Amino acid sequence: MSPGAGRPDVVAFLGPQGTFTHQAVLTWARREQHAVRAEPLASVGAVHDAVARGEATWGVVAIESSVEGYVVPSVDALVGSADVVAVDEVVLDVSFDAFVLPDHGELVEATAHPHGLAQCSRFVAERGLAPVAAASNAAACRDITRSQVALGPSLCGELYGLATIATAVDDYPGARTRFLVLRRRDDARAVLGARRDRGAEAWRTIVAITPVVTGPGVLARVTAAFGERRVNMSSLVTRPLKAQEGQYVFVVTLDAAPWAPDVRSLFADLLAAGDSLKVLGAYPAETDEGGLDGVLPDHVPTGSVRRADAADVVERGLLW
């Protein structure tokens, strides 16, 4: 609850009702024992805007899928927002069911969010269905036609009065998606301070690093700074700086809080080198077994080579 509000906090999320993001909102509210009113919105940008304007106390957006990687609109929205920052995360198991209208006709299309279609590509291909992208998986279920199979969370069946023709149709069982919980930047330090007081120990920080100059060696210089301070970089995404052609921002997730001494020193080093920095999020890290970090460690891209492989296999894989 917001201090003195007397009403449930409004939590904005990518709608409509029944999305995995909706499920993440409910999971987070139960975990944190927050009374909330979930408010479905039409886009990730709308979620950010609602939080920035104070129309919603919190926002929830998907940031990373163990199958499809980072959700680019969510990354770009954080980079581009001066007033919104991530203060918590939720990691969910994600599985898709296949739904049809009870009075369906000939089924010729499969509809879902593009990430959902990618995660269920084998099911779609085996049934000879044409993929049709939707704004969200729940929107696909809500707006389904008589010729379509909609792919989405199990709760969509009852929510939209659909018939389930198959369950768990995703290509990769055990897939997970990470969601970020958003708050106004001006409120973030108080929120994070309360989490520190509750004893949270493992933290993640997302920081945007815009190099002072581009060209050969710039990425090596930035990553070397992390190594010298022994700050673990768990991911790095490069995004174009929208206002300047040919200039890029590095979006780095690191395994520590921004106030940790080594991280403060690292940030000071980068600032001294002339780089621009902005913390996009800081939050207690979910450390449960099987999370996105280290998930499916024995799986590598088809055709990858390893040290023990025969010479001809290595030459083929590395184009030597």
Foldseek 3Di string as FASTA:
>chain_A
DPVPPPAFFEEEEADDPAFVQNVQVVVVCVVVVGRYDYDHDHDPLVRLVCQQVVVGQKYKYWAAKLQPGGDVVNVVSLVPDPWKFFAAKDKDFDFKFKWAAPQADAAAAEEAAPVQCVQQVVVCVVVNHHYDYDSHLLVCLQPPDSRYIGIHDPVSCVVRVIDTPGIRRTPDHLMMIMMTMMHTPVCRVVSNVVVVVVPQDKKKWKKKKWAPDDDPPPVVVLVVLCVVLVWAWQDWDWDPDVVDPPTIIIITMTTDFCPPPSNVVSVVVSVVNVIDMDTRYMYRDDDDPSGSRCHPVVDDPPLDDDPPDDPVSVCVSVVD
